[in-house]
C-alpha cells in the first residue's frame, strides 16, 4: 500500500505506514532507494497479516487515547442515561398495555408465586401437624379397649 503526498514541494511516499522522502530532504523520513521487499517470505498472506496486525495496534492506540478523554466519558454517560430512560419508559408503556388488555404483568405473576409459596408452606405445616395428631390418636385408641359389637349386621338385612 503506497501513497505519495507533496509537502512544501517535496514528494513524500508512504509505504505500509512508513514515510520515505523521495528526494531525501524530508525530516523523519528515510531516503527511498527501493520499496521494502516482501518477497523474502514464501507465505503470500504474510504481508496482509502484518498489515492487519499493525492497523489493529494503531486503532487500539487511537481508541485508547480517545476513551481516556473526559469528553468520551461524558458522552458515554449521556448515552447510558438515555438508554436507561428509554428502557424505563418502555417498561411503563408495556405495563399500561397489559393493564389495558387485562393481562398479568411480571410483578403480578411474582406476587402470585409468593402467595402460592406461602400457601404451600402453611399446607405442609398443617399436614405435619395432622400426622402428629393422627399418630397420638391411634396410639390412644390402641391402648383403650374397644367395646364389643352388640348388633349383628346379618340379622337386619332385608
N, C-alpha and C. Protein backbone atom coordinates (compact mmCIF):
# COMPACT_ATOMS: atom_id res chain seq x y z
N UNK A 1 0.84 -1.16 0.00
CA UNK A 1 0.00 0.00 0.00
C UNK A 1 0.89 1.23 0.00
N UNK A 2 0.88 1.97 -1.06
CA UNK A 2 1.75 3.13 -1.20
C UNK A 2 0.93 4.32 -1.63
N UNK A 3 1.24 5.46 -1.03
CA UNK A 3 0.64 6.70 -1.47
C UNK A 3 1.70 7.78 -1.41
N UNK A 4 1.61 8.73 -2.29
CA UNK A 4 2.59 9.80 -2.38
C UNK A 4 1.89 11.12 -2.10
N UNK A 5 2.49 11.92 -1.20
CA UNK A 5 1.95 13.23 -0.92
C UNK A 5 3.05 14.26 -1.14
N UNK A 6 2.67 15.47 -1.42
CA UNK A 6 3.62 16.55 -1.65
C UNK A 6 3.49 17.57 -0.54
N UNK A 7 4.57 17.79 0.18
CA UNK A 7 4.59 18.76 1.27
C UNK A 7 5.70 19.76 0.98
N UNK A 8 5.33 20.99 0.82
CA UNK A 8 6.31 22.03 0.57
C UNK A 8 7.16 21.78 -0.66
N UNK A 9 6.56 21.24 -1.69
CA UNK A 9 7.29 20.98 -2.92
C UNK A 9 8.13 19.72 -2.88
N UNK A 10 8.07 18.98 -1.79
CA UNK A 10 8.83 17.74 -1.68
C UNK A 10 7.87 16.56 -1.77
N UNK A 11 8.30 15.53 -2.42
CA UNK A 11 7.49 14.33 -2.56
C UNK A 11 7.79 13.40 -1.39
N UNK A 12 6.72 13.01 -0.67
CA UNK A 12 6.84 12.07 0.44
C UNK A 12 6.01 10.86 0.07
N UNK A 13 6.61 9.69 0.16
CA UNK A 13 5.91 8.46 -0.15
C UNK A 13 5.67 7.70 1.14
N UNK A 14 4.45 7.21 1.33
CA UNK A 14 4.10 6.41 2.50
C UNK A 14 3.91 4.99 2.02
N UNK A 15 4.72 4.08 2.57
CA UNK A 15 4.66 2.68 2.18
C UNK A 15 4.47 1.85 3.43
N UNK A 16 3.34 1.19 3.58
CA UNK A 16 3.00 0.36 4.74
C UNK A 16 3.22 1.11 6.05
N UNK A 17 2.76 2.35 6.12
CA UNK A 17 2.83 3.12 7.35
C UNK A 17 4.15 3.80 7.60
N UNK A 18 5.18 3.60 6.75
CA UNK A 18 6.47 4.26 6.92
C UNK A 18 6.61 5.34 5.87
N UNK A 19 7.20 6.47 6.29
CA UNK A 19 7.39 7.57 5.36
C UNK A 19 8.77 7.51 4.74
N UNK A 20 8.83 7.71 3.45
CA UNK A 20 10.09 7.75 2.72
C UNK A 20 10.11 9.05 1.92
N UNK A 21 11.19 9.79 2.03
CA UNK A 21 11.33 11.01 1.24
C UNK A 21 11.96 10.63 -0.09
N UNK A 22 11.30 11.00 -1.16
CA UNK A 22 11.82 10.63 -2.47
C UNK A 22 13.09 11.41 -2.81
N UNK A 23 13.22 12.63 -2.24
CA UNK A 23 14.43 13.39 -2.52
C UNK A 23 15.40 13.38 -1.34
N UNK A 24 15.04 12.74 -0.22
CA UNK A 24 15.94 12.58 0.91
C UNK A 24 16.02 13.78 1.82
N UNK A 25 15.21 14.83 1.61
CA UNK A 25 15.31 16.03 2.43
C UNK A 25 14.22 16.11 3.51
N UNK A 26 13.24 15.25 3.49
CA UNK A 26 12.15 15.35 4.46
C UNK A 26 12.62 14.92 5.84
N UNK A 27 12.14 15.62 6.86
CA UNK A 27 12.54 15.30 8.23
C UNK A 27 11.84 14.03 8.69
N UNK A 28 12.54 13.17 9.37
CA UNK A 28 11.97 11.96 9.91
C UNK A 28 11.74 10.88 8.90
N UNK A 29 12.01 11.13 7.64
CA UNK A 29 11.80 10.12 6.61
C UNK A 29 13.11 9.50 6.19
N UNK A 30 13.04 8.39 5.57
CA UNK A 30 14.23 7.72 5.07
C UNK A 30 14.33 7.98 3.58
N UNK A 31 15.55 7.95 3.07
CA UNK A 31 15.72 8.10 1.63
C UNK A 31 15.22 6.83 0.98
N UNK A 32 14.39 7.00 -0.03
CA UNK A 32 13.77 5.84 -0.64
C UNK A 32 14.59 5.41 -1.83
N UNK A 33 15.32 4.34 -1.63
CA UNK A 33 16.10 3.81 -2.73
C UNK A 33 15.33 2.72 -3.44
N UNK A 34 14.62 1.92 -2.66
CA UNK A 34 13.76 0.90 -3.24
C UNK A 34 12.64 0.59 -2.26
N UNK A 35 11.60 -0.06 -2.71
CA UNK A 35 10.46 -0.40 -1.86
C UNK A 35 10.86 -1.54 -0.94
N UNK A 36 10.22 -1.63 0.24
CA UNK A 36 10.50 -2.75 1.12
C UNK A 36 10.22 -4.06 0.39
N UNK A 37 11.05 -5.03 0.64
CA UNK A 37 10.97 -6.29 -0.09
C UNK A 37 10.18 -7.30 0.72
N UNK A 38 9.00 -7.65 0.25
CA UNK A 38 8.17 -8.67 0.90
C UNK A 38 8.36 -10.02 0.24
N UNK A 39 9.25 -10.11 -0.74
CA UNK A 39 9.40 -11.36 -1.48
C UNK A 39 10.23 -12.38 -0.72
N UNK A 40 10.80 -12.02 0.45
CA UNK A 40 11.60 -12.97 1.21
C UNK A 40 10.74 -14.04 1.84
N UNK A 41 9.47 -13.77 2.05
CA UNK A 41 8.57 -14.73 2.66
C UNK A 41 7.91 -15.60 1.58
N UNK A 42 7.72 -16.86 1.90
CA UNK A 42 7.06 -17.77 0.97
C UNK A 42 5.53 -17.71 1.14
N UNK A 43 5.07 -17.16 2.27
CA UNK A 43 3.64 -17.07 2.54
C UNK A 43 3.07 -15.83 1.87
N UNK A 44 2.12 -16.00 0.94
CA UNK A 44 1.58 -14.83 0.23
C UNK A 44 0.72 -13.93 1.13
N UNK A 45 0.23 -14.44 2.26
CA UNK A 45 -0.63 -13.67 3.13
C UNK A 45 0.11 -13.03 4.30
N UNK A 46 1.41 -13.20 4.38
CA UNK A 46 2.18 -12.64 5.49
C UNK A 46 2.11 -11.12 5.49
N UNK A 47 2.21 -10.50 4.33
CA UNK A 47 2.11 -9.04 4.25
C UNK A 47 0.75 -8.57 4.74
N UNK A 48 -0.31 -9.31 4.38
CA UNK A 48 -1.65 -8.96 4.83
C UNK A 48 -1.77 -9.09 6.35
N UNK A 49 -1.22 -10.18 6.91
CA UNK A 49 -1.25 -10.36 8.36
C UNK A 49 -0.48 -9.25 9.07
N UNK A 50 0.68 -8.89 8.53
CA UNK A 50 1.46 -7.80 9.13
C UNK A 50 0.68 -6.50 9.08
N UNK A 51 0.06 -6.24 7.93
CA UNK A 51 -0.73 -5.03 7.78
C UNK A 51 -1.87 -5.01 8.80
N UNK A 52 -2.61 -6.12 8.91
CA UNK A 52 -3.73 -6.17 9.86
C UNK A 52 -3.27 -6.02 11.29
N UNK A 53 -2.16 -6.66 11.63
CA UNK A 53 -1.63 -6.55 12.98
C UNK A 53 -1.25 -5.11 13.31
N UNK A 54 -0.57 -4.47 12.38
CA UNK A 54 -0.15 -3.09 12.59
C UNK A 54 -1.35 -2.15 12.67
N UNK A 55 -2.32 -2.34 11.79
CA UNK A 55 -3.50 -1.49 11.82
C UNK A 55 -4.32 -1.71 13.08
N UNK A 56 -4.41 -2.95 13.53
CA UNK A 56 -5.12 -3.23 14.77
C UNK A 56 -4.44 -2.52 15.94
N UNK A 57 -3.12 -2.56 15.97
CA UNK A 57 -2.38 -1.88 17.02
C UNK A 57 -2.62 -0.37 16.95
N UNK A 58 -2.60 0.18 15.73
CA UNK A 58 -2.84 1.62 15.58
C UNK A 58 -4.25 2.01 16.03
N UNK A 59 -5.22 1.21 15.65
CA UNK A 59 -6.61 1.51 16.04
C UNK A 59 -6.77 1.39 17.55
N UNK A 60 -6.17 0.37 18.15
CA UNK A 60 -6.25 0.22 19.60
C UNK A 60 -5.62 1.40 20.31
N UNK A 61 -4.47 1.85 19.83
CA UNK A 61 -3.82 3.01 20.43
C UNK A 61 -4.70 4.25 20.31
N UNK A 62 -5.25 4.46 19.14
CA UNK A 62 -6.09 5.62 18.90
C UNK A 62 -7.34 5.60 19.79
N UNK A 63 -8.01 4.45 19.83
CA UNK A 63 -9.22 4.34 20.65
C UNK A 63 -8.91 4.44 22.14
N UNK A 64 -7.77 3.94 22.56
CA UNK A 64 -7.38 4.07 23.96
C UNK A 64 -7.20 5.54 24.34
N UNK A 65 -6.59 6.30 23.44
CA UNK A 65 -6.42 7.74 23.70
C UNK A 65 -7.77 8.45 23.74
N UNK A 66 -8.66 8.09 22.83
CA UNK A 66 -9.98 8.73 22.78
C UNK A 66 -10.78 8.38 24.04
N UNK A 67 -10.74 7.13 24.45
CA UNK A 67 -11.51 6.69 25.60
C UNK A 67 -10.98 7.26 26.90
N UNK A 68 -9.77 7.74 26.92
CA UNK A 68 -9.19 8.31 28.13
C UNK A 68 -9.59 9.77 28.32
N UNK A 69 -10.25 10.36 27.35
CA UNK A 69 -10.61 11.78 27.44
C UNK A 69 -11.88 11.96 28.26
N UNK A 70 -12.01 13.11 28.93
CA UNK A 70 -13.24 13.35 29.69
C UNK A 70 -14.46 13.54 28.79
N UNK A 71 -14.24 13.96 27.54
CA UNK A 71 -15.37 14.12 26.62
C UNK A 71 -16.00 12.76 26.32
N UNK A 72 -15.16 11.75 26.15
CA UNK A 72 -15.69 10.41 25.88
C UNK A 72 -16.47 9.91 27.09
N UNK A 73 -15.94 10.14 28.29
CA UNK A 73 -16.64 9.69 29.50
C UNK A 73 -18.00 10.37 29.61
N UNK A 74 -18.05 11.67 29.31
CA UNK A 74 -19.32 12.40 29.38
C UNK A 74 -20.29 11.89 28.33
N UNK A 75 -19.80 11.65 27.11
CA UNK A 75 -20.67 11.14 26.05
C UNK A 75 -21.18 9.74 26.38
N UNK A 76 -20.31 8.91 26.91
CA UNK A 76 -20.70 7.55 27.29
C UNK A 76 -21.75 7.58 28.39
N UNK A 77 -21.55 8.47 29.36
CA UNK A 77 -22.53 8.61 30.44
C UNK A 77 -23.88 9.09 29.90
N UNK A 78 -23.86 10.01 28.96
CA UNK A 78 -25.09 10.50 28.37
C UNK A 78 -25.84 9.42 27.61
N UNK A 79 -25.11 8.62 26.86
CA UNK A 79 -25.74 7.53 26.11
C UNK A 79 -26.35 6.51 27.07
N UNK A 80 -25.63 6.17 28.14
CA UNK A 80 -26.14 5.21 29.11
C UNK A 80 -27.38 5.75 29.81
N UNK A 81 -27.37 7.04 30.15
CA UNK A 81 -28.53 7.65 30.79
C UNK A 81 -29.74 7.61 29.87
N UNK A 82 -29.54 7.96 28.60
CA UNK A 82 -30.65 7.92 27.64
C UNK A 82 -31.18 6.50 27.46
N UNK A 83 -30.30 5.53 27.43
CA UNK A 83 -30.71 4.14 27.29
C UNK A 83 -31.55 3.69 28.48
N UNK A 84 -31.12 4.04 29.69
CA UNK A 84 -31.88 3.65 30.87
C UNK A 84 -33.24 4.35 30.93
N UNK A 85 -33.30 5.62 30.51
CA UNK A 85 -34.58 6.32 30.48
C UNK A 85 -35.53 5.68 29.47
N UNK A 86 -35.02 5.33 28.31
CA UNK A 86 -35.88 4.70 27.30
C UNK A 86 -36.35 3.33 27.76
N UNK A 87 -35.49 2.61 28.47
CA UNK A 87 -35.88 1.31 29.00
C UNK A 87 -37.00 1.46 30.03
N UNK A 88 -36.88 2.45 30.92
CA UNK A 88 -37.93 2.69 31.91
C UNK A 88 -39.24 3.08 31.25
N UNK A 89 -39.17 3.93 30.25
CA UNK A 89 -40.37 4.34 29.52
C UNK A 89 -41.03 3.14 28.84
N UNK A 90 -40.22 2.29 28.24
CA UNK A 90 -40.77 1.10 27.58
C UNK A 90 -41.45 0.18 28.59
N UNK A 91 -40.86 0.01 29.77
CA UNK A 91 -41.47 -0.85 30.79
C UNK A 91 -42.80 -0.28 31.26
N UNK A 92 -42.86 1.05 31.45
CA UNK A 92 -44.12 1.67 31.87
C UNK A 92 -45.20 1.50 30.79
N UNK A 93 -44.81 1.68 29.53
CA UNK A 93 -45.77 1.53 28.43
C UNK A 93 -46.26 0.09 28.33
N UNK A 94 -45.36 -0.86 28.52
CA UNK A 94 -45.74 -2.27 28.46
C UNK A 94 -46.70 -2.61 29.59
N UNK A 95 -46.42 -2.10 30.80
CA UNK A 95 -47.29 -2.35 31.93
C UNK A 95 -48.69 -1.77 31.68
N UNK A 96 -48.75 -0.55 31.15
CA UNK A 96 -50.05 0.06 30.83
C UNK A 96 -50.80 -0.75 29.79
N UNK A 97 -50.09 -1.26 28.81
CA UNK A 97 -50.73 -2.09 27.78
C UNK A 97 -51.31 -3.35 28.39
N UNK A 98 -50.53 -4.02 29.25
CA UNK A 98 -51.03 -5.24 29.89
C UNK A 98 -52.25 -4.95 30.76
N UNK A 99 -52.25 -3.82 31.44
CA UNK A 99 -53.41 -3.45 32.25
C UNK A 99 -54.62 -3.18 31.35
N UNK A 100 -54.38 -2.56 30.21
CA UNK A 100 -55.47 -2.24 29.29
C UNK A 100 -56.11 -3.50 28.73
N UNK A 101 -55.31 -4.47 28.35
CA UNK A 101 -55.85 -5.70 27.78
C UNK A 101 -56.13 -6.76 28.85
N UNK A 102 -55.97 -6.35 30.11
CA UNK A 102 -56.29 -7.20 31.26
C UNK A 102 -55.44 -8.48 31.30
N UNK A 103 -54.13 -8.31 31.10
CA UNK A 103 -53.19 -9.42 31.22
C UNK A 103 -52.32 -9.21 32.46
N UNK A 104 -51.82 -10.30 33.00
CA UNK A 104 -50.97 -10.23 34.18
C UNK A 104 -49.57 -9.74 33.80
N UNK A 105 -49.02 -8.86 34.62
CA UNK A 105 -47.66 -8.38 34.39
C UNK A 105 -46.69 -9.29 35.14
N UNK A 106 -45.41 -9.05 34.96
CA UNK A 106 -44.39 -9.83 35.65
C UNK A 106 -44.52 -9.68 37.17
N UNK A 107 -44.83 -8.47 37.62
CA UNK A 107 -44.99 -8.24 39.06
C UNK A 107 -46.20 -9.01 39.59
N UNK A 108 -47.26 -9.06 38.80
CA UNK A 108 -48.45 -9.81 39.22
C UNK A 108 -48.13 -11.30 39.37
N UNK A 109 -47.41 -11.84 38.40
CA UNK A 109 -47.05 -13.27 38.46
C UNK A 109 -46.13 -13.53 39.65
N UNK A 110 -45.19 -12.61 39.92
CA UNK A 110 -44.29 -12.78 41.06
C UNK A 110 -45.08 -12.74 42.37
N UNK A 111 -46.07 -11.85 42.48
CA UNK A 111 -46.89 -11.78 43.68
C UNK A 111 -47.70 -13.06 43.87
N UNK A 112 -48.24 -13.59 42.79
CA UNK A 112 -49.00 -14.85 42.86
C UNK A 112 -48.08 -15.99 43.29
N UNK A 113 -46.87 -16.02 42.76
CA UNK A 113 -45.91 -17.07 43.13
C UNK A 113 -45.56 -16.99 44.61
N UNK A 114 -45.39 -15.79 45.15
CA UNK A 114 -45.11 -15.63 46.57
C UNK A 114 -46.28 -16.12 47.42
N UNK A 115 -47.49 -15.76 47.01
CA UNK A 115 -48.67 -16.21 47.75
C UNK A 115 -48.81 -17.72 47.69
N UNK A 116 -48.53 -18.31 46.53
CA UNK A 116 -48.61 -19.76 46.40
C UNK A 116 -47.57 -20.46 47.28
N UNK A 117 -46.37 -19.90 47.35
CA UNK A 117 -45.35 -20.46 48.24
C UNK A 117 -45.80 -20.41 49.70
N UNK A 118 -46.41 -19.30 50.11
CA UNK A 118 -46.90 -19.17 51.48
C UNK A 118 -48.00 -20.20 51.76
N UNK A 119 -48.90 -20.40 50.79
CA UNK A 119 -49.97 -21.39 50.96
C UNK A 119 -49.40 -22.79 51.07
N UNK A 120 -48.40 -23.11 50.22
CA UNK A 120 -47.78 -24.43 50.28
C UNK A 120 -47.08 -24.65 51.62
N UNK A 121 -46.43 -23.61 52.14
CA UNK A 121 -45.79 -23.73 53.46
C UNK A 121 -46.81 -24.00 54.55
N UNK A 122 -47.91 -23.26 54.50
CA UNK A 122 -48.98 -23.46 55.50
C UNK A 122 -49.56 -24.86 55.39
N UNK A 123 -49.77 -25.32 54.18
CA UNK A 123 -50.32 -26.65 53.97
C UNK A 123 -49.37 -27.74 54.49
N UNK A 124 -48.09 -27.58 54.25
CA UNK A 124 -47.15 -28.59 54.74
C UNK A 124 -47.09 -28.59 56.27
N UNK A 125 -47.22 -27.43 56.91
CA UNK A 125 -47.26 -27.38 58.38
C UNK A 125 -48.53 -28.06 58.90
N UNK A 126 -49.65 -27.82 58.21
CA UNK A 126 -50.90 -28.48 58.62
C UNK A 126 -50.80 -30.00 58.47
N UNK A 127 -50.18 -30.45 57.37
CA UNK A 127 -50.02 -31.89 57.16
C UNK A 127 -49.14 -32.51 58.24
N UNK A 128 -48.06 -31.82 58.58
CA UNK A 128 -47.19 -32.34 59.64
C UNK A 128 -47.92 -32.37 60.98
N UNK A 129 -48.69 -31.32 61.24
CA UNK A 129 -49.44 -31.27 62.49
C UNK A 129 -50.51 -32.35 62.55
N UNK A 130 -51.20 -32.59 61.45
CA UNK A 130 -52.25 -33.61 61.44
C UNK A 130 -51.64 -35.01 61.52
N UNK A 131 -50.45 -35.20 60.96
CA UNK A 131 -49.80 -36.50 61.05
C UNK A 131 -49.40 -36.80 62.49
N UNK A 132 -48.90 -35.79 63.19
CA UNK A 132 -48.53 -35.97 64.60
C UNK A 132 -49.77 -36.22 65.43
N UNK A 133 -50.84 -35.48 65.20
CA UNK A 133 -52.09 -35.67 65.94
C UNK A 133 -52.70 -37.03 65.63
N UNK A 134 -52.61 -37.45 64.38
CA UNK A 134 -53.16 -38.76 63.99
C UNK A 134 -52.41 -39.90 64.66
N UNK A 135 -51.10 -39.77 64.80
CA UNK A 135 -50.32 -40.81 65.47
C UNK A 135 -50.67 -40.89 66.95
N UNK A 136 -50.87 -39.72 67.56
CA UNK A 136 -51.21 -39.73 69.00
C UNK A 136 -52.61 -40.30 69.21
N UNK A 137 -53.55 -40.04 68.32
CA UNK A 137 -54.90 -40.60 68.44
C UNK A 137 -54.88 -42.11 68.25
N UNK A 138 -54.14 -42.57 67.25
CA UNK A 138 -54.09 -44.01 67.00
C UNK A 138 -53.40 -44.73 68.16
N UNK A 139 -52.44 -44.08 68.76
CA UNK A 139 -51.77 -44.69 69.92
C UNK A 139 -52.73 -44.76 71.09
N UNK A 140 -53.55 -43.74 71.28
CA UNK A 140 -54.51 -43.75 72.40
C UNK A 140 -55.62 -44.76 72.12
N UNK A 141 -56.03 -44.96 70.90
CA UNK A 141 -57.08 -45.94 70.57
C UNK A 141 -56.60 -47.36 70.78
N UNK A 142 -55.35 -47.60 70.44
CA UNK A 142 -54.87 -48.97 70.59
C UNK A 142 -54.73 -49.36 72.05
N UNK A 143 -54.50 -48.41 72.92
CA UNK A 143 -54.37 -48.73 74.34
C UNK A 143 -55.73 -48.83 75.02
N UNK A 144 -56.74 -48.21 74.49
CA UNK A 144 -58.09 -48.23 75.06
C UNK A 144 -58.82 -49.47 74.51
N UNK A 145 -59.51 -50.17 75.39
CA UNK A 145 -60.25 -51.36 74.96
C UNK A 145 -61.50 -50.94 74.22
N UNK A 146 -61.76 -51.62 73.11
CA UNK A 146 -62.93 -51.32 72.31
C UNK A 146 -64.12 -52.11 72.86
N UNK A 147 -65.30 -51.51 72.82
CA UNK A 147 -66.48 -52.26 73.28
C UNK A 147 -66.86 -53.33 72.26
N UNK A 148 -67.51 -54.39 72.73
CA UNK A 148 -67.93 -55.46 71.85
C UNK A 148 -69.10 -54.99 71.02
N UNK A 149 -69.15 -55.54 69.84
CA UNK A 149 -70.28 -55.22 68.97
C UNK A 149 -71.50 -55.98 69.46
N UNK A 150 -72.57 -55.29 69.56
CA UNK A 150 -73.79 -55.93 70.06
C UNK A 150 -74.78 -56.18 68.93
N UNK A 151 -74.57 -55.61 67.88
CA UNK A 151 -75.53 -55.71 66.80
C UNK A 151 -74.94 -56.57 65.70
N UNK A 152 -75.69 -57.48 65.19
CA UNK A 152 -75.27 -58.33 64.10
C UNK A 152 -75.84 -57.76 62.81
N UNK A 153 -74.97 -57.48 61.87
CA UNK A 153 -75.41 -56.86 60.63
C UNK A 153 -76.17 -57.83 59.73
N UNK A 154 -76.00 -59.10 59.88
CA UNK A 154 -76.70 -60.06 59.02
C UNK A 154 -78.17 -60.23 59.40
N UNK A 155 -78.58 -59.87 60.58
CA UNK A 155 -79.95 -60.01 61.02
C UNK A 155 -80.85 -58.95 60.38
N UNK A 156 -80.34 -57.75 60.23
CA UNK A 156 -81.17 -56.65 59.75
C UNK A 156 -81.23 -56.53 58.24
N UNK A 157 -80.78 -57.49 57.50
CA UNK A 157 -80.83 -57.41 56.04
C UNK A 157 -82.22 -57.66 55.55
N UNK A 158 -82.65 -56.92 54.56
CA UNK A 158 -83.99 -57.10 54.01
C UNK A 158 -84.02 -58.02 52.84
